[in-house]
Every structure is written in structure tokens, then in C-alpha cells.
Amino acid sequence: MSYLSRMEIPANLSTLRRQQARWVCAGTLAAATTLYAASPFFTLWSITSAIRSHDMGSLNTCLKWESVRNGLKTQVVDDLIGPPVADDELPAFGSSFASSAASNAIDEEVRPDKLGMLVDHLMPHEQQPATAGTMLGMLWRLHAHFTHPGVFEASVLMPGHENETPLRLQMRIHAFQWKIHRIDLPARPPQPLVEASAGPVPQPLTQP
């Protein structure tokens, strides 16, 4: 074997090792991306399983309580007194009292020790998914997507609330775990406004 042939072997090995390293990095990145994309769906499965088994301890770990309470306050207050008024408008009489009462009620009722009652109110026991098949059916009706690399939203039409808006969940990454940060409860869809004309009523034309 000539001296030149002996020099080509290490060069080829070095190129092969670089290619292998690139393939390993690409495979690792693809696997990590796949796991990250699938992770919120695993969390949704865990939430559904906890509801099915009434495991409030596991469900509690999936909730960011302060954010959930703030979101519910906004939703309830908007339903009671409407969205916030403009800066140059005066709030409706009693709106401040209604807003404070609703906020205090949510602070009192939306707590970890009352989670079981909240779940039973939203989904009565006889309507809760009882088998893995019905759990898959419920997850199949989910509309879920990323709105941001660290924000995931899901909506599902709840049993018994078919004529209302879907239940919407917003999840965010917190300490390497997906947690529910906002819950929009089912509600009646807004009714379209009917506009009335204040002009004169047109009169039918008469033939001479």
C-alpha cells in the first residue's frame, strides 16, 4: 500500500464521522420536535383521564389557578355588564358593584378544594366519559392547535351544552409542564343585533 493510500483512509473516516454526527443531530432535533408537538395532547389525555376517574389531585396539578380565576372573572363580568366602556364613557349604574361581587364569588368558589364540585357542575357524573373508547371519542371532537410555540389552545363541545359555545382551554408551558392558564366556559352565543331605521316609512306608489 502506498503512502498516499494510507493517508486517504483517515480522511474518509473523518468525513463519515461528520456525516454521522449531522444525522444524529438531525434525528435528535426531529424527535424532540415530535415529542414537543405531541406533549399537549398527552396532557389533554391526562386531564380527560383524571376527570373520568375523578382524580382531582392529578387534575389540580394541571391548573394555573390564579390565571384561570382571572380569565373567569373577565368572562363572567363581560357576560353580566358587557365589555369595558371607553375612557370617555361613564360605566353603567351598579356595574362596579356587580363586577366586585362576581370577582369575590369566583375567588371563593374557584379553589383547589372545590375542584370536584366545579367538575361535577360542568360535567355531571352520568355524562362523564366512562371508558377509554368514549374518551377517544371526546378527544376526537377536539379542535386543538398551537397559537404560539409556548401556547396551545383546545376547544370541545361539552355534552349537555350542544346549543352553547364550546369549552375552550388555553395551556402554557410552566416549569417544563403544560398547564391550563385560561378556561372559557360554555355560554349562549351572542344574539345578532337588529337595527331599526328611524327614517320615514316609504309609502306605496299610486297610479294616476
Protein backbone atom coordinates (compact mmCIF):
# COMPACT_ATOMS: atom_id res chain seq x y z
CA MET A 1 0.00 0.00 0.00
CA SER A 2 1.41 3.37 -1.00
CA TYR A 3 1.85 6.31 1.35
CA LEU A 4 -0.96 8.25 -0.47
CA SER A 5 -3.44 5.36 0.02
CA ARG A 6 -2.64 5.21 3.70
CA MET A 7 -3.42 8.98 4.00
CA GLU A 8 -6.88 8.68 2.33
CA ILE A 9 -8.31 6.29 4.95
CA PRO A 10 -8.30 8.75 7.90
CA ALA A 11 -9.74 11.49 5.67
CA ASN A 12 -12.65 9.24 4.61
CA LEU A 13 -13.28 8.20 8.19
CA SER A 14 -13.35 11.82 9.29
CA THR A 15 -15.92 12.68 6.60
CA LEU A 16 -18.06 9.67 7.54
CA ARG A 17 -17.99 10.63 11.21
CA ARG A 18 -19.06 14.20 10.38
CA GLN A 19 -21.96 12.87 8.32
CA GLN A 20 -22.98 10.52 11.11
CA ALA A 21 -22.86 13.38 13.62
CA ARG A 22 -25.09 15.50 11.38
CA TRP A 23 -27.57 12.65 11.03
CA VAL A 24 -27.60 12.13 14.79
CA CYS A 25 -28.22 15.84 15.39
CA ALA A 26 -30.98 15.94 12.78
CA GLY A 27 -32.62 12.83 14.23
CA THR A 28 -32.42 14.20 17.76
CA LEU A 29 -33.96 17.51 16.67
CA ALA A 30 -36.77 15.73 14.80
CA ALA A 31 -37.51 13.50 17.79
CA ALA A 32 -37.51 16.44 20.20
CA THR A 33 -39.84 18.44 17.92
CA THR A 34 -42.22 15.49 17.62
CA LEU A 35 -42.31 14.94 21.37
CA TYR A 36 -42.91 18.65 21.99
CA ALA A 37 -45.75 18.77 19.44
CA ALA A 38 -47.35 15.68 20.98
CA SER A 39 -46.87 16.72 24.63
CA PRO A 40 -50.00 18.93 24.94
CA PHE A 41 -52.12 16.07 23.56
CA PHE A 42 -50.71 13.79 26.25
CA THR A 43 -51.64 16.45 28.81
CA LEU A 44 -55.19 16.62 27.42
CA TRP A 45 -55.41 12.84 27.69
CA SER A 46 -54.24 13.03 31.31
CA ILE A 47 -56.85 15.72 32.06
CA THR A 48 -59.64 13.64 30.50
CA SER A 49 -58.46 10.55 32.38
CA ALA A 50 -58.40 12.48 35.67
CA ILE A 51 -61.97 13.70 35.07
CA ARG A 52 -63.12 10.18 34.23
CA SER A 53 -61.64 8.72 37.42
CA HIS A 54 -62.49 11.84 39.46
CA ASP A 55 -58.81 12.18 40.36
CA MET A 56 -58.86 15.79 41.49
CA GLY A 57 -55.29 15.62 42.80
CA SER A 58 -53.89 14.95 39.33
CA LEU A 59 -56.25 17.45 37.73
CA ASN A 60 -55.19 20.12 40.23
CA THR A 61 -51.56 19.86 39.08
CA CYS A 62 -52.65 20.78 35.53
CA LEU A 63 -54.21 24.10 36.54
CA LYS A 64 -52.58 27.51 36.98
CA TRP A 65 -55.18 28.73 39.42
CA GLU A 66 -54.52 32.46 39.51
CA SER A 67 -54.58 32.75 35.72
CA VAL A 68 -57.71 30.60 35.50
CA ARG A 69 -59.51 32.76 38.07
CA ASN A 70 -58.56 35.98 36.27
CA GLY A 71 -59.84 34.62 32.96
CA LEU A 72 -63.14 33.50 34.51
CA LYS A 73 -63.59 36.92 36.12
CA THR A 74 -63.21 38.60 32.73
CA GLN A 75 -65.70 36.22 31.13
CA VAL A 76 -68.31 36.50 33.90
CA VAL A 77 -68.06 40.28 34.18
CA ASP A 78 -68.37 40.68 30.40
CA ASP A 79 -71.48 38.48 30.44
CA LEU A 80 -73.02 40.47 33.29
CA ILE A 81 -72.28 44.06 32.34
CA GLY A 82 -70.70 43.86 28.92
CA PRO A 83 -67.14 44.68 27.83
CA PRO A 84 -65.27 47.61 29.42
CA VAL A 85 -66.52 51.02 28.38
CA ALA A 86 -64.37 53.55 26.56
CA ASP A 87 -62.36 56.07 28.53
CA ASP A 88 -64.76 58.92 27.64
CA GLU A 89 -67.88 57.00 28.73
CA LEU A 90 -69.37 56.54 32.17
CA PRO A 91 -69.91 52.95 33.39
CA ALA A 92 -73.48 51.79 33.85
CA PHE A 93 -75.01 52.32 37.30
CA GLY A 94 -74.19 49.39 39.58
CA SER A 95 -71.58 47.89 37.23
CA SER A 96 -68.76 48.35 39.75
CA PHE A 97 -70.77 46.58 42.44
CA ALA A 98 -71.68 43.73 40.07
CA SER A 99 -68.06 43.36 38.97
CA SER A 100 -66.80 43.22 42.57
CA ALA A 101 -69.49 40.72 43.57
CA ALA A 102 -68.67 38.43 40.62
CA SER A 103 -64.92 38.62 41.33
CA ASN A 104 -65.41 37.82 45.00
CA ALA A 105 -67.67 34.88 44.15
CA ILE A 106 -65.05 33.43 41.80
CA ASP A 107 -62.30 33.87 44.40
CA GLU A 108 -64.49 32.00 46.88
CA GLU A 109 -65.72 29.18 44.64
CA VAL A 110 -62.87 28.56 42.15
CA ARG A 111 -60.36 26.95 44.51
CA PRO A 112 -58.44 23.66 44.58
CA ASP A 113 -60.52 22.31 47.49
CA LYS A 114 -63.72 22.83 45.45
CA LEU A 115 -62.40 21.42 42.19
CA GLY A 116 -64.55 18.29 42.41
CA MET A 117 -67.77 20.32 42.70
CA LEU A 118 -66.73 22.52 39.78
CA VAL A 119 -66.10 19.49 37.57
CA ASP A 120 -69.41 17.89 38.59
CA HIS A 121 -71.24 21.12 37.79
CA LEU A 122 -69.63 21.42 34.36
CA MET A 123 -69.92 17.72 33.51
CA PRO A 124 -72.38 15.74 35.65
CA HIS A 125 -71.19 12.29 36.65
CA GLU A 126 -73.58 10.47 34.31
CA GLN A 127 -72.20 12.48 31.39
CA GLN A 128 -68.54 11.98 32.21
CA PRO A 129 -66.64 9.67 29.81
CA ALA A 130 -66.67 6.22 31.37
CA THR A 131 -64.47 4.19 29.04
CA ALA A 132 -61.32 4.61 27.01
CA GLY A 133 -63.47 4.43 23.85
CA THR A 134 -65.64 7.38 24.87
CA MET A 135 -62.52 9.26 25.95
CA LEU A 136 -61.10 8.76 22.46
CA GLY A 137 -64.41 9.94 21.01
CA MET A 138 -64.28 13.07 23.12
CA LEU A 139 -60.68 13.77 22.14
CA TRP A 140 -61.60 13.16 18.50
CA ARG A 141 -64.07 16.08 18.68
CA LEU A 142 -61.35 18.38 19.97
CA HIS A 143 -60.19 21.29 17.85
CA ALA A 144 -56.64 21.91 19.03
CA HIS A 145 -53.72 23.92 17.68
CA PHE A 146 -50.66 25.91 18.68
CA THR A 147 -51.19 29.66 18.68
CA HIS A 148 -47.56 30.27 19.71
CA PRO A 149 -44.62 27.93 20.33
CA GLY A 150 -45.46 28.04 24.05
CA VAL A 151 -49.26 28.41 23.82
CA PHE A 152 -51.71 25.65 22.95
CA GLU A 153 -55.49 26.01 22.69
CA ALA A 154 -58.21 23.37 22.53
CA SER A 155 -61.99 23.58 22.26
CA VAL A 156 -64.62 20.86 22.59
CA LEU A 157 -68.41 20.85 22.59
CA MET A 158 -69.43 19.57 26.01
CA PRO A 159 -72.23 17.01 26.49
CA GLY A 160 -75.40 18.77 27.57
CA HIS A 161 -74.17 22.11 26.18
CA GLU A 162 -74.76 21.46 22.47
CA ASN A 163 -76.54 24.80 21.98
CA GLU A 164 -73.74 26.78 23.61
CA THR A 165 -70.23 27.76 22.68
CA PRO A 166 -67.51 25.10 23.11
CA LEU A 167 -65.43 24.78 26.25
CA ARG A 168 -62.08 26.39 25.46
CA LEU A 169 -58.81 25.67 27.20
CA GLN A 170 -55.57 27.60 26.82
CA MET A 171 -52.44 25.84 28.01
CA ARG A 172 -48.96 27.25 28.51
CA ILE A 173 -45.62 25.74 29.41
CA HIS A 174 -44.81 26.27 33.08
CA ALA A 175 -41.76 24.63 34.68
CA PHE A 176 -41.49 22.14 31.77
CA GLN A 177 -45.16 21.15 32.14
CA TRP A 178 -48.25 22.15 30.19
CA LYS A 179 -50.77 23.81 32.49
CA ILE A 180 -54.22 25.27 31.87
CA HIS A 181 -53.97 29.06 32.10
CA ARG A 182 -57.43 30.03 30.85
CA ILE A 183 -60.84 28.37 30.69
CA ASP A 184 -63.71 29.82 28.67
CA LEU A 185 -66.89 28.14 29.89
CA PRO A 186 -69.76 27.23 27.55
CA ALA A 187 -72.11 30.16 27.03
CA ARG A 188 -75.03 31.13 24.87
CA PRO A 189 -73.79 32.50 21.53
CA PRO A 190 -74.32 36.26 21.19
CA GLN A 191 -77.55 37.23 19.50
CA PRO A 192 -77.24 39.35 16.34
CA LEU A 193 -78.24 42.96 16.73
CA VAL A 194 -81.40 44.05 14.94
CA GLU A 195 -81.03 47.53 13.53
CA ALA A 196 -84.13 49.66 13.15
CA SER A 197 -84.36 52.59 10.78
CA ALA A 198 -85.54 55.91 12.22
CA GLY A 199 -86.45 57.37 8.82
CA PRO A 200 -89.93 57.77 7.38
CA VAL A 201 -91.78 54.67 6.27
CA PRO A 202 -91.89 54.58 2.46
CA GLN A 203 -95.39 54.95 1.03
CA PRO A 204 -96.65 52.76 -1.82
CA LEU A 205 -96.80 54.38 -5.21
CA THR A 206 -100.26 55.05 -6.60
CA GLN A 207 -101.15 55.14 -10.25
CA PRO A 208 -102.75 58.44 -11.50
